[in-house]
Amino acid sequence: LTSMPPSPEYCRNEISCAGFQIYSDSNSSCMVCY
């Protein structure tokens, strides 16, 4: 984002791909995959 350039106070890092998949197991539980 041009409005948020890297700052000298921080080390700008990158996430290439991450996230969650959430599957229904039953009426009361689920499987969360990170």
Full PDB file with SEQRES, HELIX, SHEET, SSBOND, CRYST1, ORIGX, SCALE, CONECT and MASTER records, all heavy atoms in Angstrom:
SEQRES   1 A   34  LEU THR SER MET PRO PRO SER PRO GLU TYR CYS ARG ASN          
SEQRES   2 A   34  GLU ILE SER CYS ALA GLY PHE GLN ILE TYR SER ASP SER          
SEQRES   3 A   34  ASN SER SER CYS MET VAL CYS TYR                              
SHEET    1 AA1 2 GLN A  21  SER A  24  0                                        
SHEET    2 AA1 2 CYS A  30  CYS A  33 -1                                        
CRYST1    1.000    1.000    1.000  90.00  90.00  90.00 P 1           1          
ORIGX1      1.000000  0.000000  0.000000        0.00000                         
ORIGX2      0.000000  1.000000  0.000000        0.00000                         
ORIGX3      0.000000  0.000000  1.000000        0.00000                         
SCALE1      1.000000  0.000000  0.000000        0.00000                         
SCALE2      0.000000  1.000000  0.000000        0.00000                         
SCALE3      0.000000  0.000000  1.000000        0.00000                         
ATOM      1  N   LEU A   1       0.864  -1.186   0.000  1.00  0.00           N  
ATOM      2  CA  LEU A   1       0.000   0.000   0.000  1.00  0.00           C  
ATOM      3  C   LEU A   1       0.894   1.227   0.000  1.00  0.00           C  
ATOM      4  O   LEU A   1       1.767   1.358   0.859  1.00  0.00           O  
ATOM      5  CB  LEU A   1      -0.848   0.034   1.278  1.00  0.00           C  
ATOM      6  CG  LEU A   1      -2.236  -0.586   1.333  1.00  0.00           C  
ATOM      7  CD1 LEU A   1      -2.962  -0.080   2.572  1.00  0.00           C  
ATOM      8  CD2 LEU A   1      -3.077  -0.282   0.113  1.00  0.00           C  
ATOM      9  N   THR A   2       0.666   2.129  -0.936  1.00  0.00           N  
ATOM     10  CA  THR A   2       1.510   3.328  -0.990  1.00  0.00           C  
ATOM     11  C   THR A   2       1.340   4.177   0.269  1.00  0.00           C  
ATOM     12  O   THR A   2       2.256   4.865   0.700  1.00  0.00           O  
ATOM     13  CB  THR A   2       1.164   4.186  -2.223  1.00  0.00           C  
ATOM     14  OG1 THR A   2      -0.261   4.291  -2.304  1.00  0.00           O  
ATOM     15  CG2 THR A   2       1.692   3.558  -3.488  1.00  0.00           C  
ATOM     16  N   SER A   3       0.164   4.075   0.904  1.00  0.00           N  
ATOM     17  CA  SER A   3      -0.070   4.859   2.123  1.00  0.00           C  
ATOM     18  C   SER A   3       0.639   4.270   3.350  1.00  0.00           C  
ATOM     19  O   SER A   3       0.669   4.866   4.407  1.00  0.00           O  
ATOM     20  CB  SER A   3      -1.572   4.940   2.404  1.00  0.00           C  
ATOM     21  OG  SER A   3      -2.098   3.631   2.556  1.00  0.00           O  
ATOM     22  N   MET A   4       1.213   3.061   3.175  1.00  0.00           N  
ATOM     23  CA  MET A   4       1.873   2.407   4.317  1.00  0.00           C  
ATOM     24  C   MET A   4       3.247   1.883   3.887  1.00  0.00           C  
ATOM     25  O   MET A   4       3.477   0.670   3.830  1.00  0.00           O  
ATOM     26  CB  MET A   4       0.982   1.242   4.778  1.00  0.00           C  
ATOM     27  CG  MET A   4       1.090   0.925   6.242  1.00  0.00           C  
ATOM     28  SD  MET A   4       0.433   2.258   7.257  1.00  0.00           S  
ATOM     29  CE  MET A   4       1.070   1.763   8.835  1.00  0.00           C  
ATOM     30  N   PRO A   5       4.173   2.778   3.558  1.00  0.00           N  
ATOM     31  CA  PRO A   5       5.503   2.314   3.141  1.00  0.00           C  
ATOM     32  C   PRO A   5       6.273   1.734   4.334  1.00  0.00           C  
ATOM     33  O   PRO A   5       5.914   2.009   5.482  1.00  0.00           O  
ATOM     34  CB  PRO A   5       6.179   3.590   2.623  1.00  0.00           C  
ATOM     35  CG  PRO A   5       5.503   4.692   3.373  1.00  0.00           C  
ATOM     36  CD  PRO A   5       4.087   4.239   3.614  1.00  0.00           C  
ATOM     37  N   PRO A   6       7.316   0.947   4.075  1.00  0.00           N  
ATOM     38  CA  PRO A   6       8.117   0.409   5.182  1.00  0.00           C  
ATOM     39  C   PRO A   6       8.688   1.547   6.041  1.00  0.00           C  
ATOM     40  O   PRO A   6       9.036   2.608   5.529  1.00  0.00           O  
ATOM     41  CB  PRO A   6       9.246  -0.351   4.474  1.00  0.00           C  
ATOM     42  CG  PRO A   6       8.685  -0.692   3.136  1.00  0.00           C  
ATOM     43  CD  PRO A   6       7.761   0.433   2.779  1.00  0.00           C  
ATOM     44  N   SER A   7       8.743   1.301   7.356  1.00  0.00           N  
ATOM     45  CA  SER A   7       9.250   2.316   8.285  1.00  0.00           C  
ATOM     46  C   SER A   7      10.609   1.868   8.814  1.00  0.00           C  
ATOM     47  O   SER A   7      10.835   0.673   9.011  1.00  0.00           O  
ATOM     48  CB  SER A   7       8.254   2.467   9.433  1.00  0.00           C  
ATOM     49  OG  SER A   7       8.908   2.666  10.649  1.00  0.00           O  
ATOM     50  N   PRO A   8      11.522   2.814   9.084  1.00  0.00           N  
ATOM     51  CA  PRO A   8      12.851   2.433   9.595  1.00  0.00           C  
ATOM     52  C   PRO A   8      12.800   1.769  10.980  1.00  0.00           C  
ATOM     53  O   PRO A   8      13.729   1.084  11.377  1.00  0.00           O  
ATOM     54  CB  PRO A   8      13.619   3.758   9.654  1.00  0.00           C  
ATOM     55  CG  PRO A   8      12.618   4.842   9.461  1.00  0.00           C  
ATOM     56  CD  PRO A   8      11.399   4.252   8.817  1.00  0.00           C  
ATOM     57  N   GLU A   9      11.677   1.981  11.697  1.00  0.00           N  
ATOM     58  CA  GLU A   9      11.568   1.382  13.037  1.00  0.00           C  
ATOM     59  C   GLU A   9      11.242  -0.107  12.993  1.00  0.00           C  
ATOM     60  O   GLU A   9      11.408  -0.809  13.981  1.00  0.00           O  
ATOM     61  CB  GLU A   9      10.464   2.088  13.837  1.00  0.00           C  
ATOM     62  CG  GLU A   9      10.739   3.542  14.147  1.00  0.00           C  
ATOM     63  CD  GLU A   9       9.444   4.285  14.438  1.00  0.00           C  
ATOM     64  OE1 GLU A   9       8.656   3.779  15.258  1.00  0.00           O  
ATOM     65  OE2 GLU A   9       9.231   5.358  13.832  1.00  0.00           O  
ATOM     66  N   TYR A  10      10.730  -0.539  11.855  1.00  0.00           N  
ATOM     67  CA  TYR A  10      10.287  -1.939  11.750  1.00  0.00           C  
ATOM     68  C   TYR A  10      10.995  -2.650  10.617  1.00  0.00           C  
ATOM     69  O   TYR A  10      11.465  -2.036   9.665  1.00  0.00           O  
ATOM     70  CB  TYR A  10       8.773  -2.002  11.461  1.00  0.00           C  
ATOM     71  CG  TYR A  10       7.929  -1.583  12.627  1.00  0.00           C  
ATOM     72  CD1 TYR A  10       7.507  -0.264  12.762  1.00  0.00           C  
ATOM     73  CD2 TYR A  10       7.529  -2.503  13.596  1.00  0.00           C  
ATOM     74  CE1 TYR A  10       6.723   0.133  13.833  1.00  0.00           C  
ATOM     75  CE2 TYR A  10       6.747  -2.116  14.673  1.00  0.00           C  
ATOM     76  CZ  TYR A  10       6.347  -0.797  14.782  1.00  0.00           C  
ATOM     77  OH  TYR A  10       5.574  -0.420  15.846  1.00  0.00           O  
ATOM     78  N   CYS A  11      11.038  -3.967  10.747  1.00  0.00           N  
ATOM     79  CA  CYS A  11      11.541  -4.800   9.656  1.00  0.00           C  
ATOM     80  C   CYS A  11      10.297  -5.323   8.918  1.00  0.00           C  
ATOM     81  O   CYS A  11       9.551  -6.132   9.466  1.00  0.00           O  
ATOM     82  CB  CYS A  11      12.359  -5.940  10.267  1.00  0.00           C  
ATOM     83  SG  CYS A  11      12.978  -7.080   9.057  1.00  0.00           S  
ATOM     84  N   ARG A  12      10.048  -4.811   7.708  1.00  0.00           N  
ATOM     85  CA  ARG A  12       8.839  -5.206   6.961  1.00  0.00           C  
ATOM     86  C   ARG A  12       8.981  -6.653   6.489  1.00  0.00           C  
ATOM     87  O   ARG A  12       9.929  -7.013   5.824  1.00  0.00           O  
ATOM     88  CB  ARG A  12       8.648  -4.259   5.762  1.00  0.00           C  
ATOM     89  CG  ARG A  12       7.497  -4.564   4.828  1.00  0.00           C  
ATOM     90  CD  ARG A  12       6.115  -4.442   5.427  1.00  0.00           C  
ATOM     91  NE  ARG A  12       5.782  -3.221   6.130  1.00  0.00           N  
ATOM     92  CZ  ARG A  12       5.214  -2.135   5.576  1.00  0.00           C  
ATOM     93  NH1 ARG A  12       4.928  -2.130   4.292  1.00  0.00           N  
ATOM     94  NH2 ARG A  12       4.930  -1.071   6.309  1.00  0.00           N  
ATOM     95  N   ASN A  13       8.019  -7.471   6.868  1.00  0.00           N  
ATOM     96  CA  ASN A  13       8.057  -8.884   6.504  1.00  0.00           C  
ATOM     97  C   ASN A  13       6.895  -9.209   5.584  1.00  0.00           C  
ATOM     98  O   ASN A  13       5.945  -8.442   5.495  1.00  0.00           O  
ATOM     99  CB  ASN A  13       8.004  -9.741   7.779  1.00  0.00           C  
ATOM    100  CG  ASN A  13       9.040 -10.842   7.767  1.00  0.00           C  
ATOM    101  OD1 ASN A  13       9.209 -11.520   6.769  1.00  0.00           O  
ATOM    102  ND2 ASN A  13       9.721 -11.026   8.882  1.00  0.00           N  
ATOM    103  N   GLU A  14       6.971 -10.367   4.940  1.00  0.00           N  
ATOM    104  CA  GLU A  14       5.920 -10.726   3.980  1.00  0.00           C  
ATOM    105  C   GLU A  14       5.333 -12.077   4.277  1.00  0.00           C  
ATOM    106  O   GLU A  14       6.035 -13.009   4.667  1.00  0.00           O  
ATOM    107  CB  GLU A  14       6.497 -10.720   2.559  1.00  0.00           C  
ATOM    108  CG  GLU A  14       6.743  -9.330   2.063  1.00  0.00           C  
ATOM    109  CD  GLU A  14       6.735  -9.247   0.544  1.00  0.00           C  
ATOM    110  OE1 GLU A  14       6.384 -10.240  -0.124  1.00  0.00           O  
ATOM    111  OE2 GLU A  14       7.093  -8.176   0.025  1.00  0.00           O  
ATOM    112  N   ILE A  15       4.034 -12.186   4.069  1.00  0.00           N  
ATOM    113  CA  ILE A  15       3.349 -13.484   4.142  1.00  0.00           C  
ATOM    114  C   ILE A  15       2.982 -13.825   2.707  1.00  0.00           C  
ATOM    115  O   ILE A  15       2.221 -13.101   2.061  1.00  0.00           O  
ATOM    116  CB  ILE A  15       2.080 -13.379   5.018  1.00  0.00           C  
ATOM    117  CG1 ILE A  15       2.473 -13.097   6.471  1.00  0.00           C  
ATOM    118  CG2 ILE A  15       1.235 -14.643   4.908  1.00  0.00           C  
ATOM    119  CD1 ILE A  15       1.323 -12.774   7.397  1.00  0.00           C  
ATOM    120  N   SER A  16       3.559 -14.914   2.194  1.00  0.00           N  
ATOM    121  CA  SER A  16       3.267 -15.252   0.802  1.00  0.00           C  
ATOM    122  C   SER A  16       1.921 -15.966   0.680  1.00  0.00           C  
ATOM    123  O   SER A  16       1.170 -15.752  -0.262  1.00  0.00           O  
ATOM    124  CB  SER A  16       4.388 -16.097   0.198  1.00  0.00           C  
ATOM    125  OG  SER A  16       4.582 -17.268   0.964  1.00  0.00           O  
ATOM    126  N   CYS A  17       1.618 -16.813   1.673  1.00  0.00           N  
ATOM    127  CA  CYS A  17       0.340 -17.518   1.636  1.00  0.00           C  
ATOM    128  C   CYS A  17       0.081 -18.103   3.021  1.00  0.00           C  
ATOM    129  O   CYS A  17       0.915 -18.826   3.557  1.00  0.00           O  
ATOM    130  CB  CYS A  17       0.388 -18.640   0.590  1.00  0.00           C  
ATOM    131  SG  CYS A  17      -1.085 -19.671   0.588  1.00  0.00           S  
ATOM    132  N   ALA A  18      -1.075 -17.774   3.602  1.00  0.00           N  
ATOM    133  CA  ALA A  18      -1.448 -18.326   4.908  1.00  0.00           C  
ATOM    134  C   ALA A  18      -2.960 -18.252   5.030  1.00  0.00           C  
ATOM    135  O   ALA A  18      -3.634 -17.659   4.177  1.00  0.00           O  
ATOM    136  CB  ALA A  18      -0.777 -17.550   6.043  1.00  0.00           C  
ATOM    137  N   GLY A  19      -3.476 -18.858   6.096  1.00  0.00           N  
ATOM    138  CA  GLY A  19      -4.916 -18.743   6.319  1.00  0.00           C  
ATOM    139  C   GLY A  19      -5.531 -19.973   6.952  1.00  0.00           C  
ATOM    140  O   GLY A  19      -4.829 -20.891   7.383  1.00  0.00           O  
ATOM    141  N   PHE A  20      -6.863 -19.958   6.991  1.00  0.00           N  
ATOM    142  CA  PHE A  20      -7.620 -21.024   7.647  1.00  0.00           C  
ATOM    143  C   PHE A  20      -8.620 -21.661   6.685  1.00  0.00           C  
ATOM    144  O   PHE A  20      -9.208 -20.974   5.852  1.00  0.00           O  
ATOM    145  CB  PHE A  20      -8.439 -20.453   8.823  1.00  0.00           C  
ATOM    146  CG  PHE A  20      -7.625 -19.799   9.894  1.00  0.00           C  
ATOM    147  CD1 PHE A  20      -7.378 -18.437   9.865  1.00  0.00           C  
ATOM    148  CD2 PHE A  20      -7.112 -20.543  10.949  1.00  0.00           C  
ATOM    149  CE1 PHE A  20      -6.629 -17.814  10.864  1.00  0.00           C  
ATOM    150  CE2 PHE A  20      -6.361 -19.935  11.947  1.00  0.00           C  
ATOM    151  CZ  PHE A  20      -6.120 -18.573  11.908  1.00  0.00           C  
ATOM    152  N   GLN A  21      -8.797 -22.969   6.857  1.00  0.00           N  
ATOM    153  CA  GLN A  21      -9.944 -23.665   6.274  1.00  0.00           C  
ATOM    154  C   GLN A  21     -10.717 -24.254   7.453  1.00  0.00           C  
ATOM    155  O   GLN A  21     -10.110 -24.863   8.340  1.00  0.00           O  
ATOM    156  CB  GLN A  21      -9.500 -24.791   5.333  1.00  0.00           C  
ATOM    157  CG  GLN A  21      -8.915 -24.291   4.035  1.00  0.00           C  
ATOM    158  CD  GLN A  21      -8.680 -25.419   3.036  1.00  0.00           C  
ATOM    159  OE1 GLN A  21      -8.560 -26.589   3.400  1.00  0.00           O  
ATOM    160  NE2 GLN A  21      -8.611 -25.084   1.771  1.00  0.00           N  
ATOM    161  N   ILE A  22     -12.022 -24.060   7.455  1.00  0.00           N  
ATOM    162  CA  ILE A  22     -12.840 -24.521   8.584  1.00  0.00           C  
ATOM    163  C   ILE A  22     -13.912 -25.456   8.065  1.00  0.00           C  
ATOM    164  O   ILE A  22     -14.757 -25.069   7.242  1.00  0.00           O  
ATOM    165  CB  ILE A  22     -13.480 -23.305   9.305  1.00  0.00           C  
ATOM    166  CG1 ILE A  22     -12.387 -22.318   9.757  1.00  0.00           C  
ATOM    167  CG2 ILE A  22     -14.321 -23.771  10.495  1.00  0.00           C  
ATOM    168  CD1 ILE A  22     -12.860 -20.898   9.920  1.00  0.00           C  
ATOM    169  N   TYR A  23     -13.851 -26.701   8.526  1.00  0.00           N  
ATOM    170  CA  TYR A  23     -14.798 -27.734   8.085  1.00  0.00           C  
ATOM    171  C   TYR A  23     -15.785 -28.063   9.202  1.00  0.00           C  
ATOM    172  O   TYR A  23     -15.381 -28.225  10.354  1.00  0.00           O  
ATOM    173  CB  TYR A  23     -14.052 -29.032   7.731  1.00  0.00           C  
ATOM    174  CG  TYR A  23     -13.228 -28.966   6.478  1.00  0.00           C  
ATOM    175  CD1 TYR A  23     -11.904 -28.546   6.521  1.00  0.00           C  
ATOM    176  CD2 TYR A  23     -13.765 -29.332   5.249  1.00  0.00           C  
ATOM    177  CE1 TYR A  23     -11.127 -28.490   5.362  1.00  0.00           C  
ATOM    178  CE2 TYR A  23     -13.002 -29.278   4.086  1.00  0.00           C  
ATOM    179  CZ  TYR A  23     -11.685 -28.862   4.157  1.00  0.00           C  
ATOM    180  OH  TYR A  23     -10.933 -28.803   3.011  1.00  0.00           O  
ATOM    181  N   SER A  24     -17.068 -28.200   8.845  1.00  0.00           N  
ATOM    182  CA  SER A  24     -18.065 -28.647   9.826  1.00  0.00           C  
ATOM    183  C   SER A  24     -17.846 -30.123  10.112  1.00  0.00           C  
ATOM    184  O   SER A  24     -17.736 -30.924   9.192  1.00  0.00           O  
ATOM    185  CB  SER A  24     -19.472 -28.468   9.270  1.00  0.00           C  
ATOM    186  OG  SER A  24     -19.742 -27.113   9.091  1.00  0.00           O  
ATOM    187  N   ASP A  25     -17.771 -30.479  11.394  1.00  0.00           N  
ATOM    188  CA  ASP A  25     -17.641 -31.881  11.795  1.00  0.00           C  
ATOM    189  C   ASP A  25     -18.995 -32.451  12.167  1.00  0.00           C  
ATOM    190  O   ASP A  25     -19.353 -33.543  11.807  1.00  0.00           O  
ATOM    191  CB  ASP A  25     -16.738 -31.985  13.043  1.00  0.00           C  
ATOM    192  CG  ASP A  25     -15.301 -32.257  12.661  1.00  0.00           C  
ATOM    193  OD1 ASP A  25     -15.054 -32.413  11.465  1.00  0.00           O  
ATOM    194  OD2 ASP A  25     -14.450 -32.291  13.548  1.00  0.00           O  
ATOM    195  N   SER A  26     -19.723 -31.663  12.949  1.00  0.00           N  
ATOM    196  CA  SER A  26     -21.029 -32.105  13.435  1.00  0.00           C  
ATOM    197  C   SER A  26     -21.794 -30.852  13.805  1.00  0.00           C  
ATOM    198  O   SER A  26     -21.372 -29.744  13.498  1.00  0.00           O  
ATOM    199  CB  SER A  26     -20.852 -32.982  14.682  1.00  0.00           C  
ATOM    200  OG  SER A  26     -20.341 -32.183  15.741  1.00  0.00           O  
ATOM    201  N   ASN A  27     -22.909 -31.017  14.491  1.00  0.00           N  
ATOM    202  CA  ASN A  27     -23.689 -29.848  14.901  1.00  0.00           C  
ATOM    203  C   ASN A  27     -22.999 -29.033  15.990  1.00  0.00           C  
ATOM    204  O   ASN A  27     -23.392 -27.913  16.257  1.00  0.00           O  
ATOM    205  CB  ASN A  27     -25.067 -30.284  15.411  1.00  0.00           C  
ATOM    206  CG  ASN A  27     -25.915 -30.773  14.249  1.00  0.00           C  
ATOM    207  OD1 ASN A  27     -25.682 -30.381  13.127  1.00  0.00           O  
ATOM    208  ND2 ASN A  27     -26.869 -31.631  14.522  1.00  0.00           N  
ATOM    209  N   SER A  28     -21.998 -29.629  16.631  1.00  0.00           N  
ATOM    210  CA  SER A  28     -21.404 -28.908  17.768  1.00  0.00           C  
ATOM    211  C   SER A  28     -19.895 -28.728  17.669  1.00  0.00           C  
ATOM    212  O   SER A  28     -19.283 -28.171  18.566  1.00  0.00           O  
ATOM    213  CB  SER A  28     -21.726 -29.666  19.060  1.00  0.00           C  
ATOM    214  OG  SER A  28     -21.211 -30.973  18.969  1.00  0.00           O  
ATOM    215  N   SER A  29     -19.268 -29.207  16.588  1.00  0.00           N  
ATOM    216  CA  SER A  29     -17.816 -29.044  16.511  1.00  0.00           C  
ATOM    217  C   SER A  29     -17.355 -28.848  15.071  1.00  0.00           C  
ATOM    218  O   SER A  29     -18.096 -29.107  14.117  1.00  0.00           O  
ATOM    219  CB  SER A  29     -17.098 -30.255  17.128  1.00  0.00           C  
ATOM    220  OG  SER A  29     -17.226 -31.373  16.291  1.00  0.00           O  
ATOM    221  N   CYS A  30     -16.119 -28.391  14.939  1.00  0.00           N  
ATOM    222  CA  CYS A  30     -15.556 -28.188  13.599  1.00  0.00           C  
ATOM    223  C   CYS A  30     -14.058 -28.453  13.618  1.00  0.00           C  
ATOM    224  O   CYS A  30     -13.440 -28.539  14.677  1.00  0.00           O  
ATOM    225  CB  CYS A  30     -15.858 -26.776  13.099  1.00  0.00           C  
ATOM    226  SG  CYS A  30     -15.109 -25.462  14.062  1.00  0.00           S  
ATOM    227  N   MET A  31     -13.503 -28.607  12.437  1.00  0.00           N  
ATOM    228  CA  MET A  31     -12.059 -28.788  12.275  1.00  0.00           C  
ATOM    229  C   MET A  31     -11.507 -27.498  11.680  1.00  0.00           C  
ATOM    230  O   MET A  31     -11.926 -27.082  10.602  1.00  0.00           O  
ATOM    231  CB  MET A  31     -11.789 -29.965  11.328  1.00  0.00           C  
ATOM    232  CG  MET A  31     -10.352 -30.078  10.880  1.00  0.00           C  
ATOM    233  SD  MET A  31      -9.287 -30.718  12.156  1.00  0.00           S  
ATOM    234  CE  MET A  31      -9.715 -32.452  12.097  1.00  0.00           C  
ATOM    235  N   VAL A  32     -10.590 -26.868  12.405  1.00  0.00           N  
ATOM    236  CA  VAL A  32      -9.939 -25.648  11.913  1.00  0.00           C  
ATOM    237  C   VAL A  32      -8.539 -26.035  11.450  1.00  0.00           C  
ATOM    238  O   VAL A  32      -7.753 -26.577  12.226  1.00  0.00           O  
ATOM    239  CB  VAL A  32      -9.853 -24.578  13.029  1.00  0.00           C  
ATOM    240  CG1 VAL A  32      -9.044 -23.371  12.555  1.00  0.00           C  
ATOM    241  CG2 VAL A  32     -11.252 -24.139  13.472  1.00  0.00           C  
ATOM    242  N   CYS A  33      -8.237 -25.780  10.184  1.00  0.00           N  
ATOM    243  CA  CYS A  33      -6.887 -26.054   9.659  1.00  0.00           C  
ATOM    244  C   CYS A  33      -6.211 -24.723   9.356  1.00  0.00           C  
ATOM    245  O   CYS A  33      -6.747 -23.917   8.578  1.00  0.00           O  
ATOM    246  CB  CYS A  33      -6.959 -26.863   8.368  1.00  0.00           C  
ATOM    247  SG  CYS A  33      -7.694 -28.474   8.585  1.00  0.00           S  
ATOM    248  N   TYR A  34      -5.060 -24.508   9.977  1.00  0.00           N  
ATOM    249  CA  TYR A  34      -4.286 -23.290   9.712  1.00  0.00           C  
ATOM    250  C   TYR A  34      -3.120 -23.663   8.802  1.00  0.00           C  
ATOM    251  O   TYR A  34      -2.427 -24.661   9.041  1.00  0.00           O  
ATOM    252  CB  TYR A  34      -3.750 -22.699  11.019  1.00  0.00           C  
ATOM    253  CG  TYR A  34      -2.760 -21.572  10.790  1.00  0.00           C  
ATOM    254  CD1 TYR A  34      -3.198 -20.328  10.349  1.00  0.00           C  
ATOM    255  CD2 TYR A  34      -1.389 -21.754  10.970  1.00  0.00           C  
ATOM    256  CE1 TYR A  34      -2.300 -19.294  10.107  1.00  0.00           C  
ATOM    257  CE2 TYR A  34      -0.485 -20.731  10.736  1.00  0.00           C  
ATOM    258  CZ  TYR A  34      -0.949 -19.508  10.305  1.00  0.00           C  
ATOM    259  OH  TYR A  34      -0.051 -18.495  10.055  1.00  0.00           O  
TER     260      TYR A  34                                                      
MASTER        0    0    0    0    2    0    0    6  259    1    0    3          
END                                                                             
